[in-house]
Amino acid sequence: MRKYLDPALIAQLHRLELKARLVVEGSLSGMHKSPYRGFSVEFAEHKSYFPGDDIRYIDWKLYGKTEKYFIKQYEEDTNLKGYIVLDTSASMGFGKDKLSKFDYAGKIAVALSYLMLSQRDSVGLLAFNNDIVKYVPPRNNMIHLQNIISVIDNLNTRYDTGICKAFQYLASRIRRRGLIVLISDLIDDQGKVLNYLRYLRHMKHELIILHVVHPDELELPYHGTVRFKNMEYSDTLMAAPDRIRKDYQSKIQSFIDTYRAGCWQEHIDYGIVRVDEPVEKAVLDIIARRKKR
């Protein structure tokens, strides 16, 4: 776990809260506002008892078997469900000599999972490239964090990117409005991705888009004649970076601005995360943006 969460980061995360900015289906000790009143009769799952929970919903039969207190949760009593959508396409492997985009994205995914679980929210993981690689349904206990870490630790970057397919898969499995966090370099068809983001917002989901970038992608710091290889396909390109740098940087900025503007119009939280910056800074920036908005 230390690979993803060092003690210093844990100490910082422990003091933070990732609060839902919009109304979500959740009611957990006043942490998240819920549009529901009362409880349904459909049992959903158990959760460990915490001081402040309503003792009327303690499962005494389960206590008799385990000598531990568990609360019965019902469909309208479940907490916020968060879904981490993690890009494992080949382009996310860029930067392997130091810290790749995927390595950094994995650390953010674990940090946000820890943050949500520590405030007793449920969190799940969907890993994708051009298809669905792995889906881990949301759970709300800290043991679940080790499962998420284990899955991320065994993922590899390969193939091209299919963000919309990942969203389609997830949308078919979410029964209630929740929080969806996409962690990706967003190298995909921008028009299709933005259209699907609009659809998810229309379905009342809350979205956080974390655009993972490597500084070399922004700056093109190469000289001479360089052979560039497309990491998601087999084609290569010979170019002189010194001659094209200005135009390249302009196109990269336009690519970023298109996503930023599209997300802003739909009230979607969008942020750039650079792999050369500390993970804790990325997480703090997310919290700061959400509090400001």
C-alpha atoms as a PDB file:
ATOM      1  CA  MET A   1       0.000   0.000   0.000  1.00  0.00           C
ATOM      2  CA  ARG A   2       2.936   2.330   0.665  1.00  0.00           C
ATOM      3  CA  LYS A   3       3.565   2.477  -3.110  1.00  0.00           C
ATOM      4  CA  TYR A   4       0.268   4.341  -3.479  1.00  0.00           C
ATOM      5  CA  LEU A   5      -0.309   5.894  -0.040  1.00  0.00           C
ATOM      6  CA  ASP A   6       2.654   7.041   2.006  1.00  0.00           C
ATOM      7  CA  PRO A   7       2.059   8.095   5.647  1.00  0.00           C
ATOM      8  CA  ALA A   8       2.387  11.814   4.868  1.00  0.00           C
ATOM      9  CA  LEU A   9      -0.316  11.618   2.195  1.00  0.00           C
ATOM     10  CA  ILE A  10      -2.592   9.591   4.468  1.00  0.00           C
ATOM     11  CA  ALA A  11      -2.230  12.248   7.181  1.00  0.00           C
ATOM     12  CA  GLN A  12      -3.302  14.955   4.733  1.00  0.00           C
ATOM     13  CA  LEU A  13      -6.179  12.967   3.283  1.00  0.00           C
ATOM     14  CA  HIS A  14      -7.470  12.188   6.739  1.00  0.00           C
ATOM     15  CA  ARG A  15      -8.230  15.874   7.213  1.00  0.00           C
ATOM     16  CA  LEU A  16     -10.060  16.297   3.943  1.00  0.00           C
ATOM     17  CA  GLU A  17     -13.581  15.616   2.743  1.00  0.00           C
ATOM     18  CA  LEU A  18     -14.719  15.043  -0.808  1.00  0.00           C
ATOM     19  CA  LYS A  19     -18.231  16.402  -0.516  1.00  0.00           C
ATOM     20  CA  ALA A  20     -20.748  16.057  -3.312  1.00  0.00           C
ATOM     21  CA  ARG A  21     -21.496  19.485  -4.743  1.00  0.00           C
ATOM     22  CA  LEU A  22     -24.834  18.458  -6.226  1.00  0.00           C
ATOM     23  CA  VAL A  23     -27.720  16.516  -4.711  1.00  0.00           C
ATOM     24  CA  VAL A  24     -26.939  12.808  -4.752  1.00  0.00           C
ATOM     25  CA  GLU A  25     -28.840   9.807  -3.508  1.00  0.00           C
ATOM     26  CA  GLY A  26     -27.121   9.520  -0.189  1.00  0.00           C
ATOM     27  CA  SER A  27     -27.808  10.041   3.453  1.00  0.00           C
ATOM     28  CA  LEU A  28     -24.931   9.410   5.807  1.00  0.00           C
ATOM     29  CA  SER A  29     -24.860  11.236   9.128  1.00  0.00           C
ATOM     30  CA  GLY A  30     -25.610  14.488   7.307  1.00  0.00           C
ATOM     31  CA  MET A  31     -22.502  14.141   5.126  1.00  0.00           C
ATOM     32  CA  HIS A  32     -24.460  14.261   1.869  1.00  0.00           C
ATOM     33  CA  LYS A  33     -27.805  15.821   1.142  1.00  0.00           C
ATOM     34  CA  SER A  34     -30.464  13.341   0.051  1.00  0.00           C
ATOM     35  CA  PRO A  35     -33.712  13.966  -1.840  1.00  0.00           C
ATOM     36  CA  TYR A  36     -35.302  11.054   0.029  1.00  0.00           C
ATOM     37  CA  ARG A  37     -37.167  10.957   3.312  1.00  0.00           C
ATOM     38  CA  GLY A  38     -37.412   7.866   5.490  1.00  0.00           C
ATOM     39  CA  PHE A  39     -36.418   4.330   4.627  1.00  0.00           C
ATOM     40  CA  SER A  40     -37.571   1.849   2.043  1.00  0.00           C
ATOM     41  CA  VAL A  41     -38.338  -1.746   2.915  1.00  0.00           C
ATOM     42  CA  GLU A  42     -35.860  -3.234   0.422  1.00  0.00           C
ATOM     43  CA  PHE A  43     -32.706  -4.445   2.154  1.00  0.00           C
ATOM     44  CA  ALA A  44     -29.454  -3.440   0.393  1.00  0.00           C
ATOM     45  CA  GLU A  45     -26.422  -4.423   2.501  1.00  0.00           C
ATOM     46  CA  HIS A  46     -24.794  -4.334   5.926  1.00  0.00           C
ATOM     47  CA  LYS A  47     -22.246  -1.790   7.086  1.00  0.00           C
ATOM     48  CA  SER A  48     -20.223  -1.569  10.267  1.00  0.00           C
ATOM     49  CA  TYR A  49     -21.819   0.389  13.100  1.00  0.00           C
ATOM     50  CA  PHE A  50     -20.372   3.839  13.849  1.00  0.00           C
ATOM     51  CA  PRO A  51     -21.259   6.090  16.804  1.00  0.00           C
ATOM     52  CA  GLY A  52     -24.202   8.222  15.742  1.00  0.00           C
ATOM     53  CA  ASP A  53     -25.845   5.550  13.597  1.00  0.00           C
ATOM     54  CA  ASP A  54     -29.466   4.805  14.434  1.00  0.00           C
ATOM     55  CA  ILE A  55     -29.437   1.793  16.789  1.00  0.00           C
ATOM     56  CA  ARG A  56     -32.904   0.805  15.552  1.00  0.00           C
ATOM     57  CA  TYR A  57     -31.240  -0.619  12.450  1.00  0.00           C
ATOM     58  CA  ILE A  58     -28.641  -2.787  14.212  1.00  0.00           C
ATOM     59  CA  ASP A  59     -28.862  -6.385  12.999  1.00  0.00           C
ATOM     60  CA  TRP A  60     -29.051  -8.214  16.332  1.00  0.00           C
ATOM     61  CA  LYS A  61     -29.108 -11.654  14.728  1.00  0.00           C
ATOM     62  CA  LEU A  62     -25.823 -10.897  13.005  1.00  0.00           C
ATOM     63  CA  TYR A  63     -24.460  -9.554  16.311  1.00  0.00           C
ATOM     64  CA  GLY A  64     -25.336 -12.897  17.932  1.00  0.00           C
ATOM     65  CA  LYS A  65     -23.221 -14.693  15.332  1.00  0.00           C
ATOM     66  CA  THR A  66     -20.276 -12.298  15.142  1.00  0.00           C
ATOM     67  CA  GLU A  67     -20.397 -10.257  18.377  1.00  0.00           C
ATOM     68  CA  LYS A  68     -19.947  -7.203  16.170  1.00  0.00           C
ATOM     69  CA  TYR A  69     -22.434  -4.428  15.434  1.00  0.00           C
ATOM     70  CA  PHE A  70     -23.705  -4.014  11.880  1.00  0.00           C
ATOM     71  CA  ILE A  71     -26.342  -1.645  10.538  1.00  0.00           C
ATOM     72  CA  LYS A  72     -28.929  -2.789   8.036  1.00  0.00           C
ATOM     73  CA  GLN A  73     -28.862  -0.477   5.042  1.00  0.00           C
ATOM     74  CA  TYR A  74     -31.856  -0.097   2.789  1.00  0.00           C
ATOM     75  CA  GLU A  75     -32.057   1.161  -0.762  1.00  0.00           C
ATOM     76  CA  GLU A  76     -32.840   4.745   0.277  1.00  0.00           C
ATOM     77  CA  ASP A  77     -30.369   4.671   3.161  1.00  0.00           C
ATOM     78  CA  THR A  78     -27.241   3.963   1.151  1.00  0.00           C
ATOM     79  CA  ASN A  79     -24.458   6.520   1.108  1.00  0.00           C
ATOM     80  CA  LEU A  80     -22.843   8.277  -1.823  1.00  0.00           C
ATOM     81  CA  LYS A  81     -21.515   5.854  -4.417  1.00  0.00           C
ATOM     82  CA  GLY A  82     -18.365   6.966  -6.168  1.00  0.00           C
ATOM     83  CA  TYR A  83     -16.968   5.377  -9.316  1.00  0.00           C
ATOM     84  CA  ILE A  84     -13.307   5.771 -10.301  1.00  0.00           C
ATOM     85  CA  VAL A  85     -13.009   5.344 -14.088  1.00  0.00           C
ATOM     86  CA  LEU A  86      -9.340   4.651 -14.829  1.00  0.00           C
ATOM     87  CA  ASP A  87      -7.771   4.809 -18.303  1.00  0.00           C
ATOM     88  CA  THR A  88      -5.340   1.943 -19.004  1.00  0.00           C
ATOM     89  CA  SER A  89      -4.834   2.612 -22.723  1.00  0.00           C
ATOM     90  CA  ALA A  90      -1.328   2.456 -24.205  1.00  0.00           C
ATOM     91  CA  SER A  91      -0.886   6.248 -24.260  1.00  0.00           C
ATOM     92  CA  MET A  92      -1.167   6.270 -20.454  1.00  0.00           C
ATOM     93  CA  GLY A  93       2.145   4.375 -20.353  1.00  0.00           C
ATOM     94  CA  PHE A  94       4.038   7.433 -21.580  1.00  0.00           C
ATOM     95  CA  GLY A  95       6.847   8.451 -19.228  1.00  0.00           C
ATOM     96  CA  LYS A  96       7.995   5.011 -18.054  1.00  0.00           C
ATOM     97  CA  ASP A  97      11.596   6.163 -17.557  1.00  0.00           C
ATOM     98  CA  LYS A  98      10.422   8.170 -14.534  1.00  0.00           C
ATOM     99  CA  LEU A  99       6.758   8.169 -13.586  1.00  0.00           C
ATOM    100  CA  SER A 100       4.247   7.261 -16.282  1.00  0.00           C
ATOM    101  CA  LYS A 101       0.854   8.867 -16.609  1.00  0.00           C
ATOM    102  CA  PHE A 102      -0.710   5.580 -15.566  1.00  0.00           C
ATOM    103  CA  ASP A 103       1.467   5.267 -12.447  1.00  0.00           C
ATOM    104  CA  TYR A 104       0.399   8.758 -11.432  1.00  0.00           C
ATOM    105  CA  ALA A 105      -3.257   8.110 -12.295  1.00  0.00           C
ATOM    106  CA  GLY A 106      -3.168   4.962 -10.155  1.00  0.00           C
ATOM    107  CA  LYS A 107      -1.928   6.943  -7.165  1.00  0.00           C
ATOM    108  CA  ILE A 108      -4.699   9.505  -7.567  1.00  0.00           C
ATOM    109  CA  ALA A 109      -7.270   6.728  -7.907  1.00  0.00           C
ATOM    110  CA  VAL A 110      -6.110   5.144  -4.650  1.00  0.00           C
ATOM    111  CA  ALA A 111      -5.919   8.502  -2.845  1.00  0.00           C
ATOM    112  CA  LEU A 112      -9.479   9.433  -3.845  1.00  0.00           C
ATOM    113  CA  SER A 113     -10.719   5.942  -2.963  1.00  0.00           C
ATOM    114  CA  TYR A 114      -9.139   6.252   0.479  1.00  0.00           C
ATOM    115  CA  LEU A 115     -10.662   9.691   0.921  1.00  0.00           C
ATOM    116  CA  MET A 116     -14.175   8.531   0.066  1.00  0.00           C
ATOM    117  CA  LEU A 117     -13.925   5.366   2.132  1.00  0.00           C
ATOM    118  CA  SER A 118     -12.579   7.279   5.117  1.00  0.00           C
ATOM    119  CA  GLN A 119     -15.767   9.363   5.141  1.00  0.00           C
ATOM    120  CA  ARG A 120     -17.769   6.142   4.820  1.00  0.00           C
ATOM    121  CA  ASP A 121     -18.826   6.563   1.210  1.00  0.00           C
ATOM    122  CA  SER A 122     -18.848   3.652  -1.219  1.00  0.00           C
ATOM    123  CA  VAL A 123     -16.351   3.568  -4.069  1.00  0.00           C
ATOM    124  CA  GLY A 124     -15.918   1.315  -7.074  1.00  0.00           C
ATOM    125  CA  LEU A 125     -13.364   1.041  -9.879  1.00  0.00           C
ATOM    126  CA  LEU A 126     -13.762   0.673 -13.628  1.00  0.00           C
ATOM    127  CA  ALA A 127     -10.545   0.138 -15.618  1.00  0.00           C
ATOM    128  CA  PHE A 128     -10.751   0.430 -19.400  1.00  0.00           C
ATOM    129  CA  ASN A 129      -8.831   0.812 -22.650  1.00  0.00           C
ATOM    130  CA  ASN A 130     -10.733   0.162 -25.894  1.00  0.00           C
ATOM    131  CA  ASP A 131     -12.812  -2.297 -23.882  1.00  0.00           C
ATOM    132  CA  ILE A 132     -13.689  -2.956 -20.253  1.00  0.00           C
ATOM    133  CA  VAL A 133     -10.650  -4.350 -18.448  1.00  0.00           C
ATOM    134  CA  LYS A 134     -11.957  -4.694 -14.893  1.00  0.00           C
ATOM    135  CA  TYR A 135     -14.985  -3.606 -12.895  1.00  0.00           C
ATOM    136  CA  VAL A 136     -15.000  -3.564  -9.096  1.00  0.00           C
ATOM    137  CA  PRO A 137     -18.468  -2.714  -7.680  1.00  0.00           C
ATOM    138  CA  PRO A 138     -18.677  -0.033  -4.967  1.00  0.00           C
ATOM    139  CA  ARG A 139     -18.201  -1.009  -1.324  1.00  0.00           C
ATOM    140  CA  ASN A 140     -17.821   1.162   1.762  1.00  0.00           C
ATOM    141  CA  ASN A 141     -15.258  -0.466   4.027  1.00  0.00           C
ATOM    142  CA  MET A 142     -11.503   0.012   4.258  1.00  0.00           C
ATOM    143  CA  ILE A 143     -10.845  -3.646   3.452  1.00  0.00           C
ATOM    144  CA  HIS A 144     -12.193  -2.791   0.005  1.00  0.00           C
ATOM    145  CA  LEU A 145      -9.296  -0.362  -0.497  1.00  0.00           C
ATOM    146  CA  GLN A 146      -6.799  -3.226  -0.564  1.00  0.00           C
ATOM    147  CA  ASN A 147      -8.883  -4.882  -3.264  1.00  0.00           C
ATOM    148  CA  ILE A 148      -8.777  -1.708  -5.373  1.00  0.00           C
ATOM    149  CA  ILE A 149      -5.016  -1.394  -4.871  1.00  0.00           C
ATOM    150  CA  SER A 150      -4.496  -5.029  -5.857  1.00  0.00           C
ATOM    151  CA  VAL A 151      -6.476  -4.546  -9.066  1.00  0.00           C
ATOM    152  CA  ILE A 152      -4.603  -1.374 -10.042  1.00  0.00           C
ATOM    153  CA  ASP A 153      -1.259  -2.994  -9.236  1.00  0.00           C
ATOM    154  CA  ASN A 154      -1.957  -5.740 -11.775  1.00  0.00           C
ATOM    155  CA  LEU A 155      -3.143  -3.537 -14.633  1.00  0.00           C
ATOM    156  CA  ASN A 156      -1.091  -2.949 -17.775  1.00  0.00           C
ATOM    157  CA  THR A 157      -1.329  -0.182 -20.360  1.00  0.00           C
ATOM    158  CA  ARG A 158      -2.269  -1.410 -23.840  1.00  0.00           C
ATOM    159  CA  TYR A 159      -4.501  -0.804 -26.857  1.00  0.00           C
ATOM    160  CA  ASP A 160      -6.291   2.419 -27.792  1.00  0.00           C
ATOM    161  CA  THR A 161      -8.787   4.480 -25.796  1.00  0.00           C
ATOM    162  CA  GLY A 162     -12.550   3.957 -25.516  1.00  0.00           C
ATOM    163  CA  ILE A 163     -13.880   6.451 -22.980  1.00  0.00           C
ATOM    164  CA  CYS A 164     -17.468   6.332 -24.274  1.00  0.00           C
ATOM    165  CA  LYS A 165     -17.559   2.531 -24.067  1.00  0.00           C
ATOM    166  CA  ALA A 166     -16.475   2.778 -20.438  1.00  0.00           C
ATOM    167  CA  PHE A 167     -19.207   5.332 -19.725  1.00  0.00           C
ATOM    168  CA  GLN A 168     -21.822   3.185 -21.489  1.00  0.00           C
ATOM    169  CA  TYR A 169     -20.837   0.170 -19.404  1.00  0.00           C
ATOM    170  CA  LEU A 170     -20.954   2.157 -16.188  1.00  0.00           C
ATOM    171  CA  ALA A 171     -24.239   3.919 -16.984  1.00  0.00           C
ATOM    172  CA  SER A 172     -25.919   0.548 -17.514  1.00  0.00           C
ATOM    173  CA  ARG A 173     -24.959  -0.486 -13.982  1.00  0.00           C
ATOM    174  CA  ILE A 174     -25.647   2.658 -11.963  1.00  0.00           C
ATOM    175  CA  ARG A 175     -29.168   2.636 -10.591  1.00  0.00           C
ATOM    176  CA  ARG A 176     -28.853   5.926  -8.721  1.00  0.00           C
ATOM    177  CA  ARG A 177     -27.187   9.232  -9.270  1.00  0.00           C
ATOM    178  CA  GLY A 178     -23.624   9.227  -8.015  1.00  0.00           C
ATOM    179  CA  LEU A 179     -20.149  10.648  -8.363  1.00  0.00           C
ATOM    180  CA  ILE A 180     -18.080   9.586 -11.400  1.00  0.00           C
ATOM    181  CA  VAL A 181     -14.362  10.413 -11.482  1.00  0.00           C
ATOM    182  CA  LEU A 182     -12.652   9.942 -14.854  1.00  0.00           C
ATOM    183  CA  ILE A 183      -8.839   9.778 -14.687  1.00  0.00           C
ATOM    184  CA  SER A 184      -7.478   9.806 -18.225  1.00  0.00           C
ATOM    185  CA  ASP A 185      -5.245  11.595 -20.703  1.00  0.00           C
ATOM    186  CA  LEU A 186      -8.463  12.059 -22.756  1.00  0.00           C
ATOM    187  CA  ILE A 187      -6.770  11.095 -26.021  1.00  0.00           C
ATOM    188  CA  ASP A 188      -9.995  10.140 -27.768  1.00  0.00           C
ATOM    189  CA  ASP A 189     -12.615  11.635 -30.057  1.00  0.00           C
ATOM    190  CA  GLN A 190     -13.360  14.890 -28.229  1.00  0.00           C
ATOM    191  CA  GLY A 191     -16.793  15.402 -29.736  1.00  0.00           C
ATOM    192  CA  LYS A 192     -18.011  11.937 -28.747  1.00  0.00           C
ATOM    193  CA  VAL A 193     -16.518  12.181 -25.248  1.00  0.00           C
ATOM    194  CA  LEU A 194     -18.100  15.589 -24.598  1.00  0.00           C
ATOM    195  CA  ASN A 195     -21.457  14.359 -25.891  1.00  0.00           C
ATOM    196  CA  TYR A 196     -21.390  11.438 -23.487  1.00  0.00           C
ATOM    197  CA  LEU A 197     -20.395  13.706 -20.612  1.00  0.00           C
ATOM    198  CA  ARG A 198     -23.482  15.808 -21.406  1.00  0.00           C
ATOM    199  CA  TYR A 199     -25.589  12.653 -21.343  1.00  0.00           C
ATOM    200  CA  LEU A 200     -24.258  11.655 -17.919  1.00  0.00           C
ATOM    201  CA  ARG A 201     -24.976  15.136 -16.583  1.00  0.00           C
ATOM    202  CA  HIS A 202     -28.471  14.902 -18.045  1.00  0.00           C
ATOM    203  CA  MET A 203     -28.825  11.709 -15.988  1.00  0.00           C
ATOM    204  CA  LYS A 204     -27.917  13.869 -12.949  1.00  0.00           C
ATOM    205  CA  HIS A 205     -24.584  12.203 -12.204  1.00  0.00           C
ATOM    206  CA  GLU A 206     -21.873  14.403 -10.754  1.00  0.00           C
ATOM    207  CA  LEU A 207     -18.616  14.307 -12.699  1.00  0.00           C
ATOM    208  CA  ILE A 208     -14.971  15.024 -11.990  1.00  0.00           C
ATOM    209  CA  ILE A 209     -12.659  14.897 -15.000  1.00  0.00           C
ATOM    210  CA  LEU A 210      -8.957  14.623 -14.176  1.00  0.00           C
ATOM    211  CA  HIS A 211      -6.928  15.235 -17.316  1.00  0.00           C
ATOM    212  CA  VAL A 212      -3.560  13.524 -16.810  1.00  0.00           C
ATOM    213  CA  VAL A 213      -0.673  15.101 -18.703  1.00  0.00           C
ATOM    214  CA  HIS A 214       3.085  14.607 -18.819  1.00  0.00           C
ATOM    215  CA  PRO A 215       5.186  17.805 -19.039  1.00  0.00           C
ATOM    216  CA  ASP A 216       6.917  16.514 -22.181  1.00  0.00           C
ATOM    217  CA  GLU A 217       3.526  16.354 -23.900  1.00  0.00           C
ATOM    218  CA  LEU A 218       2.946  20.019 -23.131  1.00  0.00           C
ATOM    219  CA  GLU A 219       6.403  21.348 -23.888  1.00  0.00           C
ATOM    220  CA  LEU A 220       7.860  19.019 -26.587  1.00  0.00           C
ATOM    221  CA  PRO A 221      11.374  19.440 -25.121  1.00  0.00           C
ATOM    222  CA  TYR A 222      13.213  17.464 -27.837  1.00  0.00           C
ATOM    223  CA  HIS A 223      15.844  18.634 -30.309  1.00  0.00           C
ATOM    224  CA  GLY A 224      17.253  17.520 -33.616  1.00  0.00           C
ATOM    225  CA  THR A 225      15.421  15.004 -35.755  1.00  0.00           C
ATOM    226  CA  VAL A 226      13.208  12.730 -33.690  1.00  0.00           C
ATOM    227  CA  ARG A 227      11.191   9.641 -34.537  1.00  0.00           C
ATOM    228  CA  PHE A 228       7.831   9.728 -32.717  1.00  0.00           C
ATOM    229  CA  LYS A 229       5.880   6.520 -32.259  1.00  0.00           C
ATOM    230  CA  ASN A 230       2.125   6.376 -31.772  1.00  0.00           C
ATOM    231  CA  MET A 231       1.741   4.369 -28.558  1.00  0.00           C
ATOM    232  CA  GLU A 232      -1.772   3.177 -29.407  1.00  0.00           C
ATOM    233  CA  TYR A 233      -1.112   2.244 -33.028  1.00  0.00           C
ATOM    234  CA  SER A 234       1.927   1.139 -35.039  1.00  0.00           C
ATOM    235  CA  ASP A 235       2.622   4.260 -37.080  1.00  0.00           C
ATOM    236  CA  THR A 236       5.664   6.508 -36.594  1.00  0.00           C
ATOM    237  CA  LEU A 237       6.519  10.066 -37.606  1.00  0.00           C
ATOM    238  CA  MET A 238       9.857  11.797 -38.205  1.00  0.00           C
ATOM    239  CA  ALA A 239       9.878  15.447 -37.136  1.00  0.00           C
ATOM    240  CA  ALA A 240      12.117  18.333 -36.097  1.00  0.00           C
ATOM    241  CA  PRO A 241      10.628  19.517 -32.761  1.00  0.00           C
ATOM    242  CA  ASP A 242      12.428  22.865 -32.845  1.00  0.00           C
ATOM    243  CA  ARG A 243      10.540  23.760 -36.032  1.00  0.00           C
ATOM    244  CA  ILE A 244       7.090  22.617 -34.975  1.00  0.00           C
ATOM    245  CA  ARG A 245       7.150  23.360 -31.231  1.00  0.00           C
ATOM    246  CA  LYS A 246       5.148  26.582 -31.363  1.00  0.00           C
ATOM    247  CA  ASP A 247       2.367  25.122 -33.541  1.00  0.00           C
ATOM    248  CA  TYR A 248       2.377  21.912 -31.507  1.00  0.00           C
ATOM    249  CA  GLN A 249       1.969  23.760 -28.201  1.00  0.00           C
ATOM    250  CA  SER A 250      -0.852  25.796 -29.717  1.00  0.00           C
ATOM    251  CA  LYS A 251      -2.710  22.632 -30.764  1.00  0.00           C
ATOM    252  CA  ILE A 252      -2.187  21.007 -27.368  1.00  0.00           C
ATOM    253  CA  GLN A 253      -3.573  24.108 -25.659  1.00  0.00           C
ATOM    254  CA  SER A 254      -6.561  24.080 -28.011  1.00  0.00           C
ATOM    255  CA  PHE A 255      -7.139  20.400 -27.141  1.00  0.00           C
ATOM    256  CA  ILE A 256      -7.140  21.256 -23.429  1.00  0.00           C
ATOM    257  CA  ASP A 257      -9.289  24.365 -23.868  1.00  0.00           C
ATOM    258  CA  THR A 258     -11.941  22.387 -25.768  1.00  0.00           C
ATOM    259  CA  TYR A 259     -12.340  19.963 -22.884  1.00  0.00           C
ATOM    260  CA  ARG A 260     -12.239  22.748 -20.289  1.00  0.00           C
ATOM    261  CA  ALA A 261     -14.906  24.799 -22.069  1.00  0.00           C
ATOM    262  CA  GLY A 262     -17.140  21.786 -22.725  1.00  0.00           C
ATOM    263  CA  CYS A 263     -16.997  20.739 -19.079  1.00  0.00           C
ATOM    264  CA  TRP A 264     -17.573  24.279 -17.838  1.00  0.00           C
ATOM    265  CA  GLN A 265     -20.752  24.563 -19.934  1.00  0.00           C
ATOM    266  CA  GLU A 266     -22.149  21.403 -18.325  1.00  0.00           C
ATOM    267  CA  HIS A 267     -21.038  22.302 -14.790  1.00  0.00           C
ATOM    268  CA  ILE A 268     -18.532  19.454 -14.803  1.00  0.00           C
ATOM    269  CA  ASP A 269     -15.462  19.674 -12.573  1.00  0.00           C
ATOM    270  CA  TYR A 270     -12.435  19.584 -14.928  1.00  0.00           C
ATOM    271  CA  GLY A 271      -8.818  19.819 -13.872  1.00  0.00           C
ATOM    272  CA  ILE A 272      -5.352  19.235 -15.304  1.00  0.00           C
ATOM    273  CA  VAL A 273      -3.117  16.933 -13.261  1.00  0.00           C
ATOM    274  CA  ARG A 274       0.579  16.894 -14.139  1.00  0.00           C
ATOM    275  CA  VAL A 275       2.680  13.860 -13.311  1.00  0.00           C
ATOM    276  CA  ASP A 276       5.569  16.081 -12.193  1.00  0.00           C
ATOM    277  CA  GLU A 277       3.493  17.497  -9.329  1.00  0.00           C
ATOM    278  CA  PRO A 278       2.899  15.806  -5.947  1.00  0.00           C
ATOM    279  CA  VAL A 279      -0.208  13.639  -5.743  1.00  0.00           C
ATOM    280  CA  GLU A 280      -1.316  15.478  -2.621  1.00  0.00           C
ATOM    281  CA  LYS A 281      -1.337  18.747  -4.617  1.00  0.00           C
ATOM    282  CA  ALA A 282      -3.644  17.189  -7.202  1.00  0.00           C
ATOM    283  CA  VAL A 283      -6.041  16.009  -4.504  1.00  0.00           C
ATOM    284  CA  LEU A 284      -5.952  19.349  -2.673  1.00  0.00           C
ATOM    285  CA  ASP A 285      -6.668  21.145  -5.955  1.00  0.00           C
ATOM    286  CA  ILE A 286      -9.748  18.979  -6.472  1.00  0.00           C
ATOM    287  CA  ILE A 287     -11.034  19.849  -3.007  1.00  0.00           C
ATOM    288  CA  ALA A 288     -10.275  23.548  -3.483  1.00  0.00           C
ATOM    289  CA  ARG A 289     -12.100  23.698  -6.837  1.00  0.00           C
ATOM    290  CA  ARG A 290     -15.161  21.981  -5.447  1.00  0.00           C
ATOM    291  CA  LYS A 291     -15.336  24.226  -2.384  1.00  0.00           C
ATOM    292  CA  LYS A 292     -14.938  27.290  -4.596  1.00  0.00           C
ATOM    293  CA  ARG A 293     -17.692  26.173  -6.960  1.00  0.00           C
END
